[in-house]
Amino acid sequence: MRANLRAETVEPTEDGRRLRIVWRDGHVSEYVPRSIRLACPCAGCVDEYSGRPTLDPESVPEGINPVAIEYVGRYALQFAWPDGHDTGIYPWDLLRSICPCPACAEKEK
């Protein structure tokens, strides 16, 4: 099922402090942009051999917001960040797996 995940809409929340993804199955995920930046899966942020993050969380400001969001085909989003980073491609299943809502957090337990 996860491989078929696609977003219905991707938009900032009304207050502009979070990113809202409404999924085709009706689920709504709201992310603090910094959490998305910290989850970057690119080779510059994750060791390609161990899979461990190499991005120092201290280097990412609390209030960071993307300067651009692009669709990558039908399977992912790509963010451009004000720190110049723009190589991370976030597949839909990755974004859904890091959904911070209580229902998804409960599933992870």
Protein backbone atom coordinates (compact mmCIF):
# COMPACT_ATOMS: atom_id res chain seq x y z
CA MET A 1 0.00 0.00 0.00
CA ARG A 2 2.72 2.49 0.90
CA ALA A 3 4.26 2.32 -2.57
CA ASN A 4 1.03 3.72 -4.02
CA LEU A 5 0.91 6.75 -1.73
CA ARG A 6 0.39 10.07 -3.45
CA ALA A 7 -0.61 13.43 -2.14
CA GLU A 8 -3.85 15.08 -3.04
CA THR A 9 -2.57 18.54 -2.04
CA VAL A 10 0.61 20.05 -0.63
CA GLU A 11 0.26 23.51 0.89
CA PRO A 12 1.36 25.66 3.82
CA THR A 13 -0.98 25.78 6.81
CA GLU A 14 -3.02 28.93 7.39
CA ASP A 15 -0.40 30.31 9.80
CA GLY A 16 2.43 29.50 7.35
CA ARG A 17 4.41 27.66 10.03
CA ARG A 18 3.81 24.11 8.86
CA LEU A 19 3.45 22.18 5.63
CA ARG A 20 0.18 20.30 5.14
CA ILE A 21 -0.11 17.24 2.95
CA VAL A 22 -3.58 15.89 2.31
CA TRP A 23 -3.21 12.29 1.17
CA ARG A 24 -5.47 10.58 -1.34
CA ASP A 25 -6.74 8.28 1.42
CA GLY A 26 -7.97 11.37 3.33
CA HIS A 27 -5.23 11.41 5.96
CA VAL A 28 -3.78 14.86 6.74
CA SER A 29 -0.14 15.32 7.76
CA GLU A 30 1.20 18.62 9.08
CA TYR A 31 4.97 18.97 9.31
CA VAL A 32 7.20 21.56 10.93
CA PRO A 33 9.53 22.34 7.99
CA ARG A 34 12.65 21.79 10.11
CA SER A 35 11.63 18.15 10.66
CA ILE A 36 11.49 17.66 6.90
CA ARG A 37 14.94 19.25 6.46
CA LEU A 38 16.37 16.99 9.18
CA ALA A 39 14.90 13.92 7.44
CA CYS A 40 16.66 14.66 4.15
CA PRO A 41 17.58 11.33 2.55
CA CYS A 42 20.28 12.60 0.18
CA ALA A 43 23.89 11.34 0.16
CA GLY A 44 25.06 14.65 1.63
CA CYS A 45 22.82 14.20 4.70
CA VAL A 46 22.91 10.42 5.16
CA ASP A 47 25.94 8.12 5.07
CA GLU A 48 25.32 5.91 2.06
CA TYR A 49 26.96 2.86 3.65
CA SER A 50 25.57 2.91 7.18
CA GLY A 51 22.34 4.81 6.52
CA ARG A 52 23.08 7.04 9.52
CA PRO A 53 22.31 10.76 9.30
CA THR A 54 25.37 12.96 8.87
CA LEU A 55 23.48 16.26 8.98
CA ASP A 56 24.22 18.09 12.24
CA PRO A 57 20.82 19.14 13.67
CA GLU A 58 22.52 22.16 15.28
CA SER A 59 23.26 23.49 11.78
CA VAL A 60 19.55 23.70 10.91
CA PRO A 61 17.79 26.77 12.32
CA GLU A 62 14.53 26.26 14.24
CA GLY A 63 12.46 28.49 11.96
CA ILE A 64 13.75 27.22 8.61
CA ASN A 65 11.23 27.15 5.77
CA PRO A 66 11.69 25.92 2.22
CA VAL A 67 12.11 28.60 -0.43
CA ALA A 68 10.66 26.29 -3.10
CA ILE A 69 8.87 22.95 -3.32
CA GLU A 70 8.82 20.99 -6.57
CA TYR A 71 7.08 17.79 -7.57
CA VAL A 72 9.42 15.05 -8.78
CA GLY A 73 7.38 13.01 -11.20
CA ARG A 74 4.46 11.35 -9.47
CA TYR A 75 6.48 9.90 -6.62
CA ALA A 76 8.17 12.62 -4.56
CA LEU A 77 8.78 16.21 -3.54
CA GLN A 78 12.03 18.13 -3.69
CA PHE A 79 12.65 21.09 -1.38
CA ALA A 80 15.01 24.00 -1.84
CA TRP A 81 16.15 25.38 1.52
CA PRO A 82 17.55 28.82 2.36
CA ASP A 83 20.84 27.18 3.42
CA GLY A 84 21.37 26.31 -0.27
CA HIS A 85 20.51 22.63 0.11
CA ASP A 86 18.24 21.31 -2.65
CA THR A 87 19.39 17.79 -3.52
CA GLY A 88 17.09 15.76 -1.29
CA ILE A 89 14.22 13.95 -2.98
CA TYR A 90 11.47 12.94 -0.54
CA PRO A 91 9.35 10.05 -1.86
CA TRP A 92 5.72 10.03 -0.75
CA ASP A 93 6.26 6.93 1.39
CA LEU A 94 9.11 8.66 3.28
CA LEU A 95 6.95 11.71 3.94
CA ARG A 96 4.08 9.54 5.13
CA SER A 97 6.43 7.53 7.37
CA ILE A 98 7.55 10.69 9.19
CA CYS A 99 4.01 12.01 9.68
CA PRO A 100 3.99 13.52 13.18
CA CYS A 101 0.27 13.10 13.88
CA PRO A 102 -0.78 11.09 16.96
CA ALA A 103 -2.41 8.32 14.87
CA CYS A 104 0.79 7.68 12.89
CA ALA A 105 2.98 7.93 16.01
CA GLU A 106 0.79 5.27 17.64
CA LYS A 107 1.24 2.95 14.62
CA GLU A 108 5.04 3.21 14.99
CA LYS A 109 4.94 1.79 18.54
